[in-house]
Amino acid sequence: MGRVTGVAGVALFGIGLAGCGMSSWIPSWDLKFPSAPPPASTVQVESEPAGADAKSSTGPSCRTPCSLTVATADPFTVTFTLTGYESQTVPVAPRPRGGDPRDSSEALKFDPDPVYAQLEPTAPAKGKKRPAAKKTSAAPAAPK
């Protein structure tokens, strides 16, 4: 029996050493489960002048003044375009939530909200001249 106990002890010792060498193989218990997408949230969009097309980098678009519904917890942009005006892109970031960060049922808030753009008129293209205004001269009436 002494020999069997010695062989068993050596075997257990060897398994223990093998386990140390394989520590990088052991899977982590920190499992990352895919999280549900954030709930759709609404952000107000405004421009001066009104009537600009506002398109978010996440996809949805509308004509100002309007509301965009976005389903992302990541920063995004809103690009404003209007004929005769320079386009403008405004970055939007999610505002940190209050309360439990694991509670994903609460709609996100964004900064800025409302998303606002002051659109500037486009400059006339170089080389193109504006048509000259017709001059009307009031010639004195001829004496009779």
C-alpha atoms as a PDB file:
ATOM      1  CA  MET A   1       0.000   0.000   0.000  1.00  0.00           C
ATOM      2  CA  GLY A   2       2.891   2.348   0.687  1.00  0.00           C
ATOM      3  CA  ARG A   3       3.949   2.186  -2.904  1.00  0.00           C
ATOM      4  CA  VAL A   4       0.424   2.955  -4.200  1.00  0.00           C
ATOM      5  CA  THR A   5       0.122   5.937  -1.852  1.00  0.00           C
ATOM      6  CA  GLY A   6       3.503   7.268  -3.055  1.00  0.00           C
ATOM      7  CA  VAL A   7       2.514   6.896  -6.725  1.00  0.00           C
ATOM      8  CA  ALA A   8      -0.814   8.648  -6.053  1.00  0.00           C
ATOM      9  CA  GLY A   9       0.985  11.488  -4.235  1.00  0.00           C
ATOM     10  CA  VAL A  10       3.443  11.971  -7.104  1.00  0.00           C
ATOM     11  CA  ALA A  11       0.548  11.933  -9.599  1.00  0.00           C
ATOM     12  CA  LEU A  12      -1.380  14.586  -7.644  1.00  0.00           C
ATOM     13  CA  PHE A  13       1.767  16.698  -7.316  1.00  0.00           C
ATOM     14  CA  GLY A  14       2.309  16.483 -11.102  1.00  0.00           C
ATOM     15  CA  ILE A  15      -1.275  17.465 -11.846  1.00  0.00           C
ATOM     16  CA  GLY A  16      -0.915  20.442  -9.516  1.00  0.00           C
ATOM     17  CA  LEU A  17       2.233  21.617 -11.342  1.00  0.00           C
ATOM     18  CA  ALA A  18       0.565  21.136 -14.709  1.00  0.00           C
ATOM     19  CA  GLY A  19      -2.309  23.328 -13.534  1.00  0.00           C
ATOM     20  CA  CYS A  20       0.128  26.161 -12.790  1.00  0.00           C
ATOM     21  CA  GLY A  21       1.472  26.008 -16.320  1.00  0.00           C
ATOM     22  CA  MET A  22      -1.995  26.098 -17.788  1.00  0.00           C
ATOM     23  CA  SER A  23      -3.303  29.059 -15.811  1.00  0.00           C
ATOM     24  CA  SER A  24      -3.528  31.162 -18.975  1.00  0.00           C
ATOM     25  CA  TRP A  25      -5.717  28.488 -20.541  1.00  0.00           C
ATOM     26  CA  ILE A  26      -8.348  28.569 -17.833  1.00  0.00           C
ATOM     27  CA  PRO A  27     -11.269  30.659 -19.085  1.00  0.00           C
ATOM     28  CA  SER A  28     -12.106  33.826 -17.237  1.00  0.00           C
ATOM     29  CA  TRP A  29     -15.194  33.952 -15.058  1.00  0.00           C
ATOM     30  CA  ASP A  30     -15.690  37.564 -16.106  1.00  0.00           C
ATOM     31  CA  LEU A  31     -18.214  36.686 -18.790  1.00  0.00           C
ATOM     32  CA  LYS A  32     -19.269  39.491 -21.082  1.00  0.00           C
ATOM     33  CA  PHE A  33     -22.839  38.924 -22.149  1.00  0.00           C
ATOM     34  CA  PRO A  34     -24.134  40.942 -25.064  1.00  0.00           C
ATOM     35  CA  SER A  35     -26.244  43.752 -23.711  1.00  0.00           C
ATOM     36  CA  ALA A  36     -29.560  44.804 -25.110  1.00  0.00           C
ATOM     37  CA  PRO A  37     -29.491  47.869 -27.339  1.00  0.00           C
ATOM     38  CA  PRO A  38     -30.307  51.097 -25.524  1.00  0.00           C
ATOM     39  CA  PRO A  39     -33.911  52.220 -25.700  1.00  0.00           C
ATOM     40  CA  ALA A  40     -34.760  54.720 -28.412  1.00  0.00           C
ATOM     41  CA  SER A  41     -34.367  58.296 -27.191  1.00  0.00           C
ATOM     42  CA  THR A  42     -35.528  61.567 -28.692  1.00  0.00           C
ATOM     43  CA  VAL A  43     -33.476  64.708 -29.237  1.00  0.00           C
ATOM     44  CA  GLN A  44     -34.915  68.061 -30.373  1.00  0.00           C
ATOM     45  CA  VAL A  45     -33.343  69.567 -33.507  1.00  0.00           C
ATOM     46  CA  GLU A  46     -33.609  73.258 -34.473  1.00  0.00           C
ATOM     47  CA  SER A  47     -31.986  75.586 -36.991  1.00  0.00           C
ATOM     48  CA  GLU A  48     -32.002  79.214 -38.009  1.00  0.00           C
ATOM     49  CA  PRO A  49     -33.419  79.518 -40.595  1.00  0.00           C
ATOM     50  CA  ALA A  50     -35.977  76.770 -40.041  1.00  0.00           C
ATOM     51  CA  GLY A  51     -36.620  74.194 -42.762  1.00  0.00           C
ATOM     52  CA  ALA A  52     -33.120  72.692 -42.932  1.00  0.00           C
ATOM     53  CA  ASP A  53     -32.662  68.965 -43.451  1.00  0.00           C
ATOM     54  CA  ALA A  54     -31.145  67.443 -40.290  1.00  0.00           C
ATOM     55  CA  LYS A  55     -29.540  63.996 -40.708  1.00  0.00           C
ATOM     56  CA  SER A  56     -27.988  62.065 -37.848  1.00  0.00           C
ATOM     57  CA  SER A  57     -24.923  59.888 -38.365  1.00  0.00           C
ATOM     58  CA  THR A  58     -26.991  56.996 -36.945  1.00  0.00           C
ATOM     59  CA  GLY A  59     -29.480  57.225 -39.829  1.00  0.00           C
ATOM     60  CA  PRO A  60     -32.699  59.092 -38.986  1.00  0.00           C
ATOM     61  CA  SER A  61     -33.390  62.500 -40.526  1.00  0.00           C
ATOM     62  CA  CYS A  62     -36.060  65.218 -40.390  1.00  0.00           C
ATOM     63  CA  ARG A  63     -36.765  68.836 -41.399  1.00  0.00           C
ATOM     64  CA  THR A  64     -36.250  71.458 -38.677  1.00  0.00           C
ATOM     65  CA  PRO A  65     -37.766  72.165 -36.246  1.00  0.00           C
ATOM     66  CA  CYS A  66     -38.265  68.493 -35.422  1.00  0.00           C
ATOM     67  CA  SER A  67     -37.347  65.558 -33.185  1.00  0.00           C
ATOM     68  CA  LEU A  68     -34.909  62.773 -34.054  1.00  0.00           C
ATOM     69  CA  THR A  69     -35.312  59.333 -32.516  1.00  0.00           C
ATOM     70  CA  VAL A  70     -31.956  57.617 -32.031  1.00  0.00           C
ATOM     71  CA  ALA A  71     -31.109  54.273 -30.436  1.00  0.00           C
ATOM     72  CA  THR A  72     -27.455  54.618 -29.487  1.00  0.00           C
ATOM     73  CA  ALA A  73     -25.457  55.181 -26.326  1.00  0.00           C
ATOM     74  CA  ASP A  74     -22.474  56.386 -28.400  1.00  0.00           C
ATOM     75  CA  PRO A  75     -21.682  59.925 -29.555  1.00  0.00           C
ATOM     76  CA  PHE A  76     -23.083  60.868 -32.975  1.00  0.00           C
ATOM     77  CA  THR A  77     -23.404  63.923 -35.211  1.00  0.00           C
ATOM     78  CA  VAL A  78     -26.287  65.831 -36.804  1.00  0.00           C
ATOM     79  CA  THR A  79     -25.615  67.495 -40.170  1.00  0.00           C
ATOM     80  CA  PHE A  80     -27.807  70.420 -41.228  1.00  0.00           C
ATOM     81  CA  THR A  81     -28.220  71.274 -44.928  1.00  0.00           C
ATOM     82  CA  LEU A  82     -30.341  73.927 -46.623  1.00  0.00           C
ATOM     83  CA  THR A  83     -30.094  75.227 -50.186  1.00  0.00           C
ATOM     84  CA  GLY A  84     -28.291  78.576 -50.252  1.00  0.00           C
ATOM     85  CA  TYR A  85     -26.605  77.970 -46.872  1.00  0.00           C
ATOM     86  CA  GLU A  86     -23.374  76.361 -45.714  1.00  0.00           C
ATOM     87  CA  SER A  87     -23.928  72.894 -44.221  1.00  0.00           C
ATOM     88  CA  GLN A  88     -23.076  72.515 -40.561  1.00  0.00           C
ATOM     89  CA  THR A  89     -22.332  69.417 -38.454  1.00  0.00           C
ATOM     90  CA  VAL A  90     -22.967  69.413 -34.702  1.00  0.00           C
ATOM     91  CA  PRO A  91     -21.498  66.689 -32.420  1.00  0.00           C
ATOM     92  CA  VAL A  92     -23.917  65.156 -29.904  1.00  0.00           C
ATOM     93  CA  ALA A  93     -22.879  63.123 -26.850  1.00  0.00           C
ATOM     94  CA  PRO A  94     -24.969  61.065 -24.426  1.00  0.00           C
ATOM     95  CA  ARG A  95     -25.297  62.691 -21.023  1.00  0.00           C
ATOM     96  CA  PRO A  96     -24.281  60.501 -18.040  1.00  0.00           C
ATOM     97  CA  ARG A  97     -27.287  58.858 -16.420  1.00  0.00           C
ATOM     98  CA  GLY A  98     -28.212  59.397 -12.838  1.00  0.00           C
ATOM     99  CA  GLY A  99     -28.948  56.380 -10.683  1.00  0.00           C
ATOM    100  CA  ASP A 100     -28.003  52.799 -11.428  1.00  0.00           C
ATOM    101  CA  PRO A 101     -25.865  52.624 -14.627  1.00  0.00           C
ATOM    102  CA  ARG A 102     -27.088  49.055 -15.200  1.00  0.00           C
ATOM    103  CA  ASP A 103     -30.679  50.278 -15.605  1.00  0.00           C
ATOM    104  CA  SER A 104     -30.997  50.443 -19.380  1.00  0.00           C
ATOM    105  CA  SER A 105     -34.752  51.038 -19.361  1.00  0.00           C
ATOM    106  CA  GLU A 106     -34.283  54.779 -18.789  1.00  0.00           C
ATOM    107  CA  ALA A 107     -34.143  56.833 -21.995  1.00  0.00           C
ATOM    108  CA  LEU A 108     -30.834  58.566 -22.639  1.00  0.00           C
ATOM    109  CA  LYS A 109     -30.445  62.333 -22.532  1.00  0.00           C
ATOM    110  CA  PHE A 110     -28.122  64.138 -24.933  1.00  0.00           C
ATOM    111  CA  ASP A 111     -25.848  67.146 -24.837  1.00  0.00           C
ATOM    112  CA  PRO A 112     -26.691  69.511 -26.460  1.00  0.00           C
ATOM    113  CA  ASP A 113     -30.468  69.204 -26.346  1.00  0.00           C
ATOM    114  CA  PRO A 114     -31.851  70.835 -28.357  1.00  0.00           C
ATOM    115  CA  VAL A 115     -29.277  70.407 -31.109  1.00  0.00           C
ATOM    116  CA  TYR A 116     -29.103  73.856 -32.739  1.00  0.00           C
ATOM    117  CA  ALA A 117     -27.407  75.182 -35.873  1.00  0.00           C
ATOM    118  CA  GLN A 118     -27.136  78.798 -37.032  1.00  0.00           C
ATOM    119  CA  LEU A 119     -26.741  78.375 -40.800  1.00  0.00           C
ATOM    120  CA  GLU A 120     -24.738  80.964 -42.732  1.00  0.00           C
ATOM    121  CA  PRO A 121     -25.607  81.965 -46.322  1.00  0.00           C
ATOM    122  CA  THR A 122     -23.200  80.652 -48.943  1.00  0.00           C
ATOM    123  CA  ALA A 123     -20.808  83.203 -50.419  1.00  0.00           C
ATOM    124  CA  PRO A 124     -21.261  84.013 -54.107  1.00  0.00           C
ATOM    125  CA  ALA A 125     -18.965  81.906 -56.262  1.00  0.00           C
ATOM    126  CA  LYS A 126     -15.774  83.665 -57.383  1.00  0.00           C
ATOM    127  CA  GLY A 127     -15.738  84.768 -60.965  1.00  0.00           C
ATOM    128  CA  LYS A 128     -19.476  85.256 -61.120  1.00  0.00           C
ATOM    129  CA  LYS A 129     -20.572  88.817 -61.074  1.00  0.00           C
ATOM    130  CA  ARG A 130     -23.894  89.919 -59.887  1.00  0.00           C
ATOM    131  CA  PRO A 131     -25.986  91.454 -62.623  1.00  0.00           C
ATOM    132  CA  ALA A 132     -25.760  95.208 -62.495  1.00  0.00           C
ATOM    133  CA  ALA A 133     -28.911  96.959 -61.485  1.00  0.00           C
ATOM    134  CA  LYS A 134     -30.492  98.948 -64.321  1.00  0.00           C
ATOM    135  CA  LYS A 135     -30.061 102.643 -63.787  1.00  0.00           C
ATOM    136  CA  THR A 136     -33.041 104.754 -64.456  1.00  0.00           C
ATOM    137  CA  SER A 137     -32.199 108.350 -64.879  1.00  0.00           C
ATOM    138  CA  ALA A 138     -34.816 110.929 -64.623  1.00  0.00           C
ATOM    139  CA  ALA A 139     -33.901 113.256 -67.492  1.00  0.00           C
ATOM    140  CA  PRO A 140     -35.278 116.748 -67.158  1.00  0.00           C
ATOM    141  CA  ALA A 141     -38.270 117.293 -69.333  1.00  0.00           C
ATOM    142  CA  ALA A 142     -37.563 119.310 -72.496  1.00  0.00           C
ATOM    143  CA  PRO A 143     -38.990 122.838 -72.432  1.00  0.00           C
ATOM    144  CA  LYS A 144     -41.864 123.473 -74.829  1.00  0.00           C
END
